[in-house]
PDB file of N, CA and C in Angstrom:
ATOM      1  N   MET A   1       0.859  -1.233  -0.031  1.00  0.00           N
ATOM      2  CA  MET A   1       0.037  -0.023  -0.042  1.00  0.00           C
ATOM      3  C   MET A   1       0.885   1.289  -0.002  1.00  0.00           C
ATOM      4  N   LEU A   2       1.943   1.200   0.764  1.00  0.00           N
ATOM      5  CA  LEU A   2       2.830   2.329   0.898  1.00  0.00           C
ATOM      6  C   LEU A   2       3.504   2.612  -0.516  1.00  0.00           C
ATOM      7  N   ALA A   3       3.913   1.484  -1.172  1.00  0.00           N
ATOM      8  CA  ALA A   3       4.521   1.638  -2.439  1.00  0.00           C
ATOM      9  C   ALA A   3       3.633   2.251  -3.452  1.00  0.00           C
ATOM     10  N   SER A   4       2.255   1.900  -3.410  1.00  0.00           N
ATOM     11  CA  SER A   4       1.313   2.533  -4.340  1.00  0.00           C
ATOM     12  C   SER A   4       1.150   3.970  -4.054  1.00  0.00           C
ATOM     13  N   LEU A   5       1.183   4.333  -2.804  1.00  0.00           N
ATOM     14  CA  LEU A   5       1.131   5.795  -2.439  1.00  0.00           C
ATOM     15  C   LEU A   5       2.315   6.597  -2.966  1.00  0.00           C
ATOM     16  N   LEU A   6       3.558   5.996  -2.764  1.00  0.00           N
ATOM     17  CA  LEU A   6       4.666   6.654  -3.274  1.00  0.00           C
ATOM     18  C   LEU A   6       4.668   6.709  -4.780  1.00  0.00           C
ATOM     19  N   ALA A   7       4.215   5.679  -5.457  1.00  0.00           N
ATOM     20  CA  ALA A   7       4.153   5.689  -6.930  1.00  0.00           C
ATOM     21  C   ALA A   7       3.167   6.698  -7.374  1.00  0.00           C
ATOM     22  N   ALA A   8       2.026   6.996  -6.704  1.00  0.00           N
ATOM     23  CA  ALA A   8       1.035   7.940  -7.034  1.00  0.00           C
ATOM     24  C   ALA A   8       1.563   9.314  -6.854  1.00  0.00           C
ATOM     25  N   THR A   9       2.524   9.602  -5.981  1.00  0.00           N
ATOM     26  CA  THR A   9       2.926  10.931  -5.696  1.00  0.00           C
ATOM     27  C   THR A   9       4.132  11.324  -6.627  1.00  0.00           C
ATOM     28  N   GLN A  10       4.814  10.293  -7.173  1.00  0.00           N
ATOM     29  CA  GLN A  10       6.007  10.653  -7.987  1.00  0.00           C
ATOM     30  C   GLN A  10       5.607  10.504  -9.424  1.00  0.00           C
ATOM     31  N   ASN A  11       6.591  10.999 -10.205  1.00  0.00           N
ATOM     32  CA  ASN A  11       6.296  10.881 -11.731  1.00  0.00           C
ATOM     33  C   ASN A  11       6.866   9.613 -12.164  1.00  0.00           C
ATOM     34  N   VAL A  12       6.025   8.504 -12.282  1.00  0.00           N
ATOM     35  CA  VAL A  12       6.389   7.214 -12.578  1.00  0.00           C
ATOM     36  C   VAL A  12       5.764   6.725 -13.862  1.00  0.00           C
ATOM     37  N   GLU A  13       6.248   5.622 -14.456  1.00  0.00           N
ATOM     38  CA  GLU A  13       5.644   4.873 -15.509  1.00  0.00           C
ATOM     39  C   GLU A  13       5.673   3.517 -15.180  1.00  0.00           C
ATOM     40  N   TYR A  14       4.913   2.704 -15.907  1.00  0.00           N
ATOM     41  CA  TYR A  14       4.712   1.275 -15.746  1.00  0.00           C
ATOM     42  C   TYR A  14       5.435   0.568 -16.910  1.00  0.00           C
ATOM     43  N   ASP A  15       6.140  -0.522 -16.572  1.00  0.00           N
ATOM     44  CA  ASP A  15       6.834  -1.310 -17.597  1.00  0.00           C
ATOM     45  C   ASP A  15       5.811  -2.002 -18.388  1.00  0.00           C
ATOM     46  N   THR A  16       5.957  -1.969 -19.717  1.00  0.00           N
ATOM     47  CA  THR A  16       4.906  -2.506 -20.574  1.00  0.00           C
ATOM     48  C   THR A  16       4.992  -3.993 -20.553  1.00  0.00           C
ATOM     49  N   VAL A  17       6.107  -4.634 -20.277  1.00  0.00           N
ATOM     50  CA  VAL A  17       6.230  -6.112 -20.344  1.00  0.00           C
ATOM     51  C   VAL A  17       5.767  -6.724 -19.011  1.00  0.00           C
ATOM     52  N   THR A  18       6.329  -6.140 -17.925  1.00  0.00           N
ATOM     53  CA  THR A  18       6.020  -6.807 -16.512  1.00  0.00           C
ATOM     54  C   THR A  18       4.939  -6.059 -15.888  1.00  0.00           C
ATOM     55  N   GLY A  19       4.687  -4.870 -16.173  1.00  0.00           N
ATOM     56  CA  GLY A  19       3.642  -4.110 -15.441  1.00  0.00           C
ATOM     57  C   GLY A  19       4.180  -3.503 -14.141  1.00  0.00           C
ATOM     58  N   ASN A  20       5.476  -3.635 -13.867  1.00  0.00           N
ATOM     59  CA  ASN A  20       6.086  -3.098 -12.661  1.00  0.00           C
ATOM     60  C   ASN A  20       6.258  -1.575 -12.744  1.00  0.00           C
ATOM     61  N   VAL A  21       6.322  -0.957 -11.613  1.00  0.00           N
ATOM     62  CA  VAL A  21       6.439   0.544 -11.533  1.00  0.00           C
ATOM     63  C   VAL A  21       7.991   0.788 -11.835  1.00  0.00           C
ATOM     64  N   VAL A  22       8.274   1.733 -12.740  1.00  0.00           N
ATOM     65  CA  VAL A  22       9.597   2.190 -13.086  1.00  0.00           C
ATOM     66  C   VAL A  22       9.776   3.587 -12.602  1.00  0.00           C
ATOM     67  N   PRO A  23      10.463   3.732 -11.400  1.00  0.00           N
ATOM     68  CA  PRO A  23      10.599   5.102 -10.862  1.00  0.00           C
ATOM     69  C   PRO A  23      11.679   5.782 -11.681  1.00  0.00           C
ATOM     70  N   TYR A  24      11.553   7.185 -11.718  1.00  0.00           N
ATOM     71  CA  TYR A  24      12.558   8.060 -12.347  1.00  0.00           C
ATOM     72  C   TYR A  24      13.283   8.725 -11.245  1.00  0.00           C
ATOM     73  N   LEU A  25      14.540   8.768 -11.313  1.00  0.00           N
ATOM     74  CA  LEU A  25      15.479   9.325 -10.138  1.00  0.00           C
ATOM     75  C   LEU A  25      15.706  10.732 -10.721  1.00  0.00           C
ATOM     76  N   GLY A  26      15.738  11.622  -9.742  1.00  0.00           N
ATOM     77  CA  GLY A  26      16.247  12.994 -10.008  1.00  0.00           C
ATOM     78  C   GLY A  26      17.707  13.136  -9.951  1.00  0.00           C
ATOM     79  N   TYR A  27      18.132  14.339 -10.375  1.00  0.00           N
ATOM     80  CA  TYR A  27      19.630  14.522 -10.356  1.00  0.00           C
ATOM     81  C   TYR A  27      20.227  14.371  -9.008  1.00  0.00           C
ATOM     82  N   GLY A  28      19.640  14.810  -8.050  1.00  0.00           N
ATOM     83  CA  GLY A  28      20.183  14.648  -6.650  1.00  0.00           C
ATOM     84  C   GLY A  28      20.342  13.220  -6.220  1.00  0.00           C
ATOM     85  N   GLU A  29      19.431  12.426  -6.462  1.00  0.00           N
ATOM     86  CA  GLU A  29      19.427  11.052  -6.124  1.00  0.00           C
ATOM     87  C   GLU A  29      20.491  10.249  -6.918  1.00  0.00           C
ATOM     88  N   VAL A  30      20.637  10.585  -8.151  1.00  0.00           N
ATOM     89  CA  VAL A  30      21.634  10.007  -8.978  1.00  0.00           C
ATOM     90  C   VAL A  30      23.024  10.346  -8.497  1.00  0.00           C
ATOM     91  N   PHE A  31      23.194  11.693  -8.148  1.00  0.00           N
ATOM     92  CA  PHE A  31      24.460  12.180  -7.662  1.00  0.00           C
ATOM     93  C   PHE A  31      24.869  11.448  -6.259  1.00  0.00           C
ATOM     94  N   LEU A  32      23.814  11.372  -5.451  1.00  0.00           N
ATOM     95  CA  LEU A  32      24.078  10.631  -4.079  1.00  0.00           C
ATOM     96  C   LEU A  32      24.414   9.184  -4.324  1.00  0.00           C
ATOM     97  N   PHE A  33      23.713   8.481  -5.208  1.00  0.00           N
ATOM     98  CA  PHE A  33      24.059   7.062  -5.435  1.00  0.00           C
ATOM     99  C   PHE A  33      25.404   6.906  -5.995  1.00  0.00           C
ATOM    100  N   ALA A  34      25.863   7.865  -6.996  1.00  0.00           N
ATOM    101  CA  ALA A  34      27.210   7.771  -7.513  1.00  0.00           C
ATOM    102  C   ALA A  34      28.259   7.996  -6.503  1.00  0.00           C
ATOM    103  N   LEU A  35      28.065   8.889  -5.515  1.00  0.00           N
ATOM    104  CA  LEU A  35      28.940   9.128  -4.436  1.00  0.00           C
ATOM    105  C   LEU A  35      29.079   7.983  -3.543  1.00  0.00           C
ATOM    106  N   ILE A  36      27.937   7.386  -3.249  1.00  0.00           N
ATOM    107  CA  ILE A  36      28.020   6.196  -2.361  1.00  0.00           C
ATOM    108  C   ILE A  36      28.845   5.070  -3.035  1.00  0.00           C
ATOM    109  N   GLY A  37      28.530   4.871  -4.334  1.00  0.00           N
ATOM    110  CA  GLY A  37      29.315   3.825  -5.104  1.00  0.00           C
ATOM    111  C   GLY A  37      30.808   4.097  -5.115  1.00  0.00           C
ATOM    112  N   PHE A  38      31.213   5.372  -5.371  1.00  0.00           N
ATOM    113  CA  PHE A  38      32.569   5.715  -5.393  1.00  0.00           C
ATOM    114  C   PHE A  38      33.197   5.483  -4.009  1.00  0.00           C
ATOM    115  N   ALA A  39      32.587   5.923  -2.985  1.00  0.00           N
ATOM    116  CA  ALA A  39      33.074   5.706  -1.593  1.00  0.00           C
ATOM    117  C   ALA A  39      33.243   4.201  -1.257  1.00  0.00           C
ATOM    118  N   ILE A  40      32.280   3.356  -1.565  1.00  0.00           N
ATOM    119  CA  ILE A  40      32.347   1.915  -1.345  1.00  0.00           C
ATOM    120  C   ILE A  40      33.535   1.381  -2.153  1.00  0.00           C
ATOM    121  N   THR A  41      33.726   1.779  -3.369  1.00  0.00           N
ATOM    122  CA  THR A  41      34.810   1.267  -4.235  1.00  0.00           C
ATOM    123  C   THR A  41      36.172   1.666  -3.631  1.00  0.00           C
ATOM    124  N   PHE A  42      36.356   2.895  -3.171  1.00  0.00           N
ATOM    125  CA  PHE A  42      37.632   3.356  -2.705  1.00  0.00           C
ATOM    126  C   PHE A  42      37.988   2.709  -1.321  1.00  0.00           C
ATOM    127  N   ILE A  43      36.933   2.564  -0.512  1.00  0.00           N
ATOM    128  CA  ILE A  43      37.060   1.766   0.793  1.00  0.00           C
ATOM    129  C   ILE A  43      37.572   0.443   0.549  1.00  0.00           C
ATOM    130  N   GLY A  44      36.944  -0.251  -0.511  1.00  0.00           N
ATOM    131  CA  GLY A  44      37.412  -1.660  -0.792  1.00  0.00           C
ATOM    132  C   GLY A  44      38.749  -1.700  -1.329  1.00  0.00           C
ATOM    133  N   ILE A  45      39.191  -0.767  -2.090  1.00  0.00           N
ATOM    134  CA  ILE A  45      40.526  -0.696  -2.597  1.00  0.00           C
ATOM    135  C   ILE A  45      41.515  -0.455  -1.469  1.00  0.00           C
ATOM    136  N   ILE A  46      41.124   0.431  -0.552  1.00  0.00           N
ATOM    137  CA  ILE A  46      42.052   0.646   0.622  1.00  0.00           C
ATOM    138  C   ILE A  46      42.167  -0.572   1.444  1.00  0.00           C
ATOM    139  N   ILE A  47      41.080  -1.343   1.607  1.00  0.00           N
ATOM    140  CA  ILE A  47      41.094  -2.594   2.452  1.00  0.00           C
ATOM    141  C   ILE A  47      41.931  -3.653   1.746  1.00  0.00           C
ATOM    142  N   LEU A  48      41.855  -3.706   0.409  1.00  0.00           N
ATOM    143  CA  LEU A  48      42.748  -4.622  -0.392  1.00  0.00           C
ATOM    144  C   LEU A  48      44.227  -4.220  -0.318  1.00  0.00           C
ATOM    145  N   ILE A  49      44.522  -2.964  -0.319  1.00  0.00           N
ATOM    146  CA  ILE A  49      45.901  -2.549  -0.244  1.00  0.00           C
ATOM    147  C   ILE A  49      46.397  -2.884   1.184  1.00  0.00           C
ATOM    148  N   GLY A  50      45.670  -2.718   2.245  1.00  0.00           N
ATOM    149  CA  GLY A  50      46.045  -3.055   3.566  1.00  0.00           C
ATOM    150  C   GLY A  50      46.255  -4.556   3.747  1.00  0.00           C
ATOM    151  N   VAL A  51      45.405  -5.354   3.133  1.00  0.00           N
ATOM    152  CA  VAL A  51      45.603  -6.792   3.232  1.00  0.00           C
ATOM    153  C   VAL A  51      46.852  -7.207   2.521  1.00  0.00           C
ATOM    154  N   VAL A  52      47.176  -6.710   1.323  1.00  0.00           N
ATOM    155  CA  VAL A  52      48.442  -7.079   0.623  1.00  0.00           C
ATOM    156  C   VAL A  52      49.553  -6.567   1.381  1.00  0.00           C
ATOM    157  N   TRP A  53      49.594  -5.399   1.969  1.00  0.00           N
ATOM    158  CA  TRP A  53      50.690  -4.881   2.713  1.00  0.00           C
ATOM    159  C   TRP A  53      50.925  -5.710   3.902  1.00  0.00           C
ATOM    160  N   LEU A  54      49.862  -6.142   4.677  1.00  0.00           N
ATOM    161  CA  LEU A  54      49.969  -6.945   5.861  1.00  0.00           C
ATOM    162  C   LEU A  54      50.535  -8.293   5.460  1.00  0.00           C
ATOM    163  N   CYS A  55      50.132  -8.956   4.363  1.00  0.00           N
ATOM    164  CA  CYS A  55      50.727 -10.186   3.988  1.00  0.00           C
ATOM    165  C   CYS A  55      52.232 -10.093   3.721  1.00  0.00           C
ATOM    166  N   GLY A  56      52.598  -9.007   3.017  1.00  0.00           N
ATOM    167  CA  GLY A  56      54.063  -8.799   2.687  1.00  0.00           C
ATOM    168  C   GLY A  56      54.830  -8.590   4.004  1.00  0.00           C
ATOM    169  N   TYR A  57      54.251  -7.830   4.897  1.00  0.00           N
ATOM    170  CA  TYR A  57      54.944  -7.549   6.164  1.00  0.00           C
ATOM    171  C   TYR A  57      55.176  -8.896   6.965  1.00  0.00           C
ATOM    172  N   ILE A  58      54.123  -9.786   6.938  1.00  0.00           N
ATOM    173  CA  ILE A  58      54.239 -10.999   7.730  1.00  0.00           C
ATOM    174  C   ILE A  58      55.238 -11.858   6.977  1.00  0.00           C
ATOM    175  N   VAL A  59      55.275 -11.953   5.716  1.00  0.00           N
ATOM    176  CA  VAL A  59      56.213 -12.750   4.935  1.00  0.00           C
ATOM    177  C   VAL A  59      57.638 -12.265   5.193  1.00  0.00           C
ATOM    178  N   ASN A  60      57.871 -10.991   5.216  1.00  0.00           N
ATOM    179  CA  ASN A  60      59.243 -10.453   5.510  1.00  0.00           C
ATOM    180  C   ASN A  60      59.618 -10.746   6.857  1.00  0.00           C
ATOM    181  N   ARG A  61      58.783 -10.694   7.826  1.00  0.00           N
ATOM    182  CA  ARG A  61      59.119 -10.960   9.210  1.00  0.00           C
ATOM    183  C   ARG A  61      59.598 -12.455   9.378  1.00  0.00           C
ATOM    184  N   LEU A  62      58.748 -13.378   8.786  1.00  0.00           N
ATOM    185  CA  LEU A  62      58.975 -14.722   8.820  1.00  0.00           C
ATOM    186  C   LEU A  62      60.263 -15.111   8.130  1.00  0.00           C
ATOM    187  N   GLY A  63      60.525 -14.415   6.944  1.00  0.00           N
ATOM    188  CA  GLY A  63      61.738 -14.685   6.224  1.00  0.00           C
ATOM    189  C   GLY A  63      62.971 -14.206   6.847  1.00  0.00           C
ATOM    190  N   ASN A  64      62.946 -13.107   7.629  1.00  0.00           N
ATOM    191  CA  ASN A  64      64.037 -12.601   8.403  1.00  0.00           C
ATOM    192  C   ASN A  64      64.385 -13.587   9.553  1.00  0.00           C
ATOM    193  N   ARG A  65      63.369 -14.152  10.203  1.00  0.00           N
ATOM    194  CA  ARG A  65      63.631 -15.058  11.314  1.00  0.00           C
ATOM    195  C   ARG A  65      64.429 -16.399  10.775  1.00  0.00           C
ATOM    196  N   LYS A  66      63.879 -16.938   9.681  1.00  0.00           N
ATOM    197  CA  LYS A  66      64.482 -18.087   9.105  1.00  0.00           C
ATOM    198  C   LYS A  66      65.916 -17.730   8.584  1.00  0.00           C
ATOM    199  N   GLY A  67      66.038 -16.567   8.073  1.00  0.00           N
ATOM    200  CA  GLY A  67      67.397 -16.179   7.473  1.00  0.00           C
ATOM    201  C   GLY A  67      68.471 -16.127   8.554  1.00  0.00           C
ATOM    202  N   LYS A  68      68.058 -15.697   9.744  1.00  0.00           N
ATOM    203  CA  LYS A  68      69.025 -15.553  10.907  1.00  0.00           C
ATOM    204  C   LYS A  68      69.377 -16.893  11.422  1.00  0.00           C
ATOM    205  N   GLU A  69      68.345 -17.826  11.404  1.00  0.00           N
ATOM    206  CA  GLU A  69      68.643 -19.173  11.902  1.00  0.00           C
ATOM    207  C   GLU A  69      69.445 -19.926  10.932  1.00  0.00           C
ATOM    208  N   ALA A  70      69.363 -19.768   9.650  1.00  0.00           N
ATOM    209  CA  ALA A  70      70.025 -20.518   8.611  1.00  0.00           C
ATOM    210  C   ALA A  70      71.451 -19.969   8.361  1.00  0.00           C
ATOM    211  N   GLU A  71      71.757 -18.828   8.831  1.00  0.00           N
ATOM    212  CA  GLU A  71      73.039 -18.100   8.657  1.00  0.00           C
ATOM    213  C   GLU A  71      74.159 -18.979   9.245  1.00  0.00           C
ATOM    214  N   THR A  72      75.124 -19.284   8.259  1.00  0.00           N
ATOM    215  CA  THR A  72      76.228 -20.058   8.742  1.00  0.00           C
ATOM    216  C   THR A  72      77.430 -19.215   8.647  1.00  0.00           C
ATOM    217  N   PRO A  73      78.460 -19.364   9.537  1.00  0.00           N
ATOM    218  CA  PRO A  73      79.619 -18.551   9.373  1.00  0.00           C
ATOM    219  C   PRO A  73      80.458 -18.875   8.123  1.00  0.00           C
ATOM    220  N   ALA A  74      81.148 -17.840   7.649  1.00  0.00           N
ATOM    221  CA  ALA A  74      81.925 -18.092   6.435  1.00  0.00           C
ATOM    222  C   ALA A  74      83.041 -18.942   6.734  1.00  0.00           C
ATOM    223  N   PRO A  75      83.558 -19.734   5.736  1.00  0.00           N
ATOM    224  CA  PRO A  75      84.710 -20.568   6.056  1.00  0.00           C
ATOM    225  C   PRO A  75      85.960 -19.764   6.172  1.00  0.00           C
ATOM    226  N   ALA A  76      86.800 -20.132   6.997  1.00  0.00           N
ATOM    227  CA  ALA A  76      88.149 -19.444   7.235  1.00  0.00           C
ATOM    228  C   ALA A  76      89.008 -19.682   5.932  1.00  0.00           C
ATOM    229  N   ILE A  77      89.706 -18.590   5.553  1.00  0.00           N
ATOM    230  CA  ILE A  77      90.620 -18.724   4.497  1.00  0.00           C
ATOM    231  C   ILE A  77      91.871 -19.295   5.054  1.00  0.00           C
ATOM    232  N   SER A  78      92.339 -20.296   4.427  1.00  0.00           N
ATOM    233  CA  SER A  78      93.617 -20.974   4.863  1.00  0.00           C
ATOM    234  C   SER A  78      94.837 -20.133   4.556  1.00  0.00           C
ATOM    235  N   VAL A  79      95.783 -20.216   5.331  1.00  0.00           N
ATOM    236  CA  VAL A  79      97.089 -19.521   5.077  1.00  0.00           C
ATOM    237  C   VAL A  79      97.912 -20.170   3.942  1.00  0.00           C
ATOM    238  N   ALA A  80      97.670 -21.468   3.822  1.00  0.00           N
ATOM    239  CA  ALA A  80      98.561 -22.267   2.899  1.00  0.00           C
ATOM    240  C   ALA A  80      98.209 -21.967   1.448  1.00  0.00           C
ATOM    241  N   GLU A  81      97.003 -21.355   1.148  1.00  0.00           N
ATOM    242  CA  GLU A  81      96.663 -21.076  -0.188  1.00  0.00           C
ATOM    243  C   GLU A  81      97.657 -20.305  -0.997  1.00  0.00           C
ATOM    244  N   ASP A  82      98.068 -19.167  -0.453  1.00  0.00           N
ATOM    245  CA  ASP A  82      99.022 -18.311  -1.151  1.00  0.00           C
ATOM    246  C   ASP A  82     100.106 -17.745  -0.249  1.00  0.00           C
ATOM    247  N   GLY A  83     100.208 -18.285   0.972  1.00  0.00           N
ATOM    248  CA  GLY A  83     101.301 -17.875   1.872  1.00  0.00           C
ATOM    249  C   GLY A  83     101.093 -16.580   2.595  1.00  0.00           C
ATOM    250  N   ILE A  84      99.853 -15.971   2.561  1.00  0.00           N
ATOM    251  CA  ILE A  84      99.645 -14.717   3.220  1.00  0.00           C
ATOM    252  C   ILE A  84      98.845 -14.975   4.505  1.00  0.00           C
ATOM    253  N   ARG A  85      99.337 -14.407   5.598  1.00  0.00           N
ATOM    254  CA  ARG A  85      98.715 -14.707   6.951  1.00  0.00           C
ATOM    255  C   ARG A  85      97.378 -13.958   6.985  1.00  0.00           C
ATOM    256  N   GLU A  86      96.458 -14.404   7.894  1.00  0.00           N
ATOM    257  CA  GLU A  86      95.139 -13.779   7.999  1.00  0.00           C
ATOM    258  C   GLU A  86      95.229 -12.379   8.483  1.00  0.00           C
ATOM    259  N   GLU A  87      96.201 -12.054   9.328  1.00  0.00           N
ATOM    260  CA  GLU A  87      96.290 -10.621   9.881  1.00  0.00           C
ATOM    261  C   GLU A  87      96.780  -9.675   8.747  1.00  0.00           C
ATOM    262  N   VAL A  88      97.459 -10.094   7.797  1.00  0.00           N
ATOM    263  CA  VAL A  88      97.885  -9.289   6.688  1.00  0.00           C
ATOM    264  C   VAL A  88      96.669  -9.081   5.759  1.00  0.00           C
ATOM    265  N   ARG A  89      95.866 -10.095   5.535  1.00  0.00           N
ATOM    266  CA  ARG A  89      94.683  -9.929   4.697  1.00  0.00           C
ATOM    267  C   ARG A  89      93.718  -8.947   5.427  1.00  0.00           C
ATOM    268  N   VAL A  90      93.597  -8.979   6.731  1.00  0.00           N
ATOM    269  CA  VAL A  90      92.693  -8.056   7.444  1.00  0.00           C
ATOM    270  C   VAL A  90      93.261  -6.685   7.309  1.00  0.00           C
ATOM    271  N   ALA A  91      94.517  -6.478   7.369  1.00  0.00           N
ATOM    272  CA  ALA A  91      95.063  -5.168   7.342  1.00  0.00           C
ATOM    273  C   ALA A  91      94.755  -4.660   5.868  1.00  0.00           C
ATOM    274  N   ILE A  92      94.909  -5.402   4.828  1.00  0.00           N
ATOM    275  CA  ILE A  92      94.766  -4.969   3.492  1.00  0.00           C
ATOM    276  C   ILE A  92      93.257  -4.596   3.283  1.00  0.00           C
ATOM    277  N   VAL A  93      92.415  -5.359   3.785  1.00  0.00           N
ATOM    278  CA  VAL A  93      91.010  -5.013   3.653  1.00  0.00           C
ATOM    279  C   VAL A  93      90.638  -3.745   4.418  1.00  0.00           C
ATOM    280  N   ALA A  94      91.227  -3.558   5.669  1.00  0.00           N
ATOM    281  CA  ALA A  94      90.942  -2.325   6.337  1.00  0.00           C
ATOM    282  C   ALA A  94      91.500  -1.147   5.597  1.00  0.00           C
ATOM    283  N   ALA A  95      92.702  -1.262   5.052  1.00  0.00           N
ATOM    284  CA  ALA A  95      93.288  -0.152   4.240  1.00  0.00           C
ATOM    285  C   ALA A  95      92.455   0.248   3.027  1.00  0.00           C
ATOM    286  N   ILE A  96      91.920  -0.646   2.336  1.00  0.00           N
ATOM    287  CA  ILE A  96      91.068  -0.473   1.157  1.00  0.00           C
ATOM    288  C   ILE A  96      89.817   0.207   1.631  1.00  0.00           C
ATOM    289  N   ALA A  97      89.172  -0.254   2.731  1.00  0.00           N
ATOM    290  CA  ALA A  97      87.963   0.391   3.230  1.00  0.00           C
ATOM    291  C   ALA A  97      88.221   1.816   3.663  1.00  0.00           C
ATOM    292  N   ALA A  98      89.378   2.084   4.368  1.00  0.00           N
ATOM    293  CA  ALA A  98      89.714   3.378   4.775  1.00  0.00           C
ATOM    294  C   ALA A  98      89.880   4.359   3.547  1.00  0.00           C
ATOM    295  N   TYR A  99      90.557   3.849   2.507  1.00  0.00           N
ATOM    296  CA  TYR A  99      90.792   4.593   1.302  1.00  0.00           C
ATOM    297  C   TYR A  99      89.446   5.061   0.687  1.00  0.00           C
ATOM    298  N   TYR A 100      88.492   4.110   0.535  1.00  0.00           N
ATOM    299  CA  TYR A 100      87.135   4.419  -0.050  1.00  0.00           C
ATOM    300  C   TYR A 100      86.376   5.320   0.908  1.00  0.00           C
ATOM    301  N   VAL A 101      86.554   5.318   2.158  1.00  0.00           N
ATOM    302  CA  VAL A 101      85.781   6.256   3.058  1.00  0.00           C
ATOM    303  C   VAL A 101      86.419   7.627   2.843  1.00  0.00           C
ATOM    304  N   SER A 102      87.676   7.727   2.758  1.00  0.00           N
ATOM    305  CA  SER A 102      88.272   9.062   2.570  1.00  0.00           C
ATOM    306  C   SER A 102      87.907   9.713   1.177  1.00  0.00           C
ATOM    307  N   GLU A 103      87.654   8.862   0.220  1.00  0.00           N
ATOM    308  CA  GLU A 103      87.351   9.353  -1.128  1.00  0.00           C
ATOM    309  C   GLU A 103      85.879   9.753  -1.234  1.00  0.00           C
ATOM    310  N   ASN A 104      85.088   9.353  -0.250  1.00  0.00           N
ATOM    311  CA  ASN A 104      83.613   9.573  -0.261  1.00  0.00           C
ATOM    312  C   ASN A 104      82.993   8.795  -1.475  1.00  0.00           C
ATOM    313  N   SER A 105      83.442   7.698  -1.669  1.00  0.00           N
ATOM    314  CA  SER A 105      83.026   6.923  -2.832  1.00  0.00           C
ATOM    315  C   SER A 105      81.729   6.226  -2.503  1.00  0.00           C
ATOM    316  N   SER A 106      80.943   5.899  -3.536  1.00  0.00           N
ATOM    317  CA  SER A 106      79.738   5.144  -3.253  1.00  0.00           C
ATOM    318  C   SER A 106      79.943   3.680  -3.429  1.00  0.00           C
ATOM    319  N   CYS A 107      81.134   3.195  -3.115  1.00  0.00           N
ATOM    320  CA  CYS A 107      81.455   1.768  -3.235  1.00  0.00           C
ATOM    321  C   CYS A 107      80.737   1.029  -2.131  1.00  0.00           C
ATOM    322  N   GLU A 108      80.252  -0.098  -2.414  1.00  0.00           N
ATOM    323  CA  GLU A 108      79.550  -0.932  -1.394  1.00  0.00           C
ATOM    324  C   GLU A 108      80.401  -1.875  -0.613  1.00  0.00           C
ATOM    325  N   PHE A 109      81.654  -1.714  -0.746  1.00  0.00           N
ATOM    326  CA  PHE A 109      82.592  -2.487  -0.086  1.00  0.00           C
ATOM    327  C   PHE A 109      82.762  -2.019   1.351  1.00  0.00           C
ATOM    328  N   LYS A 110      82.380  -2.792   2.470  1.00  0.00           N
ATOM    329  CA  LYS A 110      82.403  -2.462   3.727  1.00  0.00           C
ATOM    330  C   LYS A 110      82.995  -3.597   4.568  1.00  0.00           C
ATOM    331  N   VAL A 111      83.722  -3.273   5.563  1.00  0.00           N
ATOM    332  CA  VAL A 111      84.157  -4.294   6.491  1.00  0.00           C
ATOM    333  C   VAL A 111      83.212  -4.250   7.648  1.00  0.00           C
ATOM    334  N   LYS A 112      82.458  -5.315   7.802  1.00  0.00           N
ATOM    335  CA  LYS A 112      81.397  -5.329   8.883  1.00  0.00           C
ATOM    336  C   LYS A 112      81.993  -5.761  10.261  1.00  0.00           C
ATOM    337  N   ARG A 113      82.792  -6.817  10.222  1.00  0.00           N
ATOM    338  CA  ARG A 113      83.459  -7.235  11.499  1.00  0.00           C
ATOM    339  C   ARG A 113      84.725  -8.055  11.145  1.00  0.00           C
ATOM    340  N   ILE A 114      85.563  -8.013  12.097  1.00  0.00           N
ATOM    341  CA  ILE A 114      86.752  -8.778  12.015  1.00  0.00           C
ATOM    342  C   ILE A 114      86.796  -9.606  13.228  1.00  0.00           C
ATOM    343  N   ARG A 115      86.927 -10.863  13.075  1.00  0.00           N
ATOM    344  CA  ARG A 115      86.907 -11.736  14.315  1.00  0.00           C
ATOM    345  C   ARG A 115      88.029 -12.822  14.086  1.00  0.00           C
ATOM    346  N   LYS A 116      88.479 -13.283  15.223  1.00  0.00           N
ATOM    347  CA  LYS A 116      89.555 -14.357  15.142  1.00  0.00           C
ATOM    348  C   LYS A 116      88.838 -15.651  15.153  1.00  0.00           C
ATOM    349  N   ILE A 117      89.258 -16.533  14.243  1.00  0.00           N
ATOM    350  CA  ILE A 117      88.750 -17.893  14.191  1.00  0.00           C
ATOM    351  C   ILE A 117      89.646 -18.897  14.771  1.00  0.00           C
TER     352      ILE A 117
END
């Protein structure tokens, strides 16, 4: 009954095939529906971006944990290979690193640690 009252007050037509009421929407209603559709779409995209970012974050965290556990120490360089002692090699590496630091070079060569094996 309420639908028939609303149909009587609005400018409506009836579908010739089914006989259903076909309401006509004004410009304000069309604009409102478009804004609601845009808002729902952008909220969905933001949620998808968040889910993908969260999955990547979780994978990186799990990968870093496994990488630290699987890290093995580098094998020691034997002195018998070419007759140079390990202390001399460390001094050469440190000198090269100091040279590159003084030149402000963008070389990726860095001495991270020196330890006795």
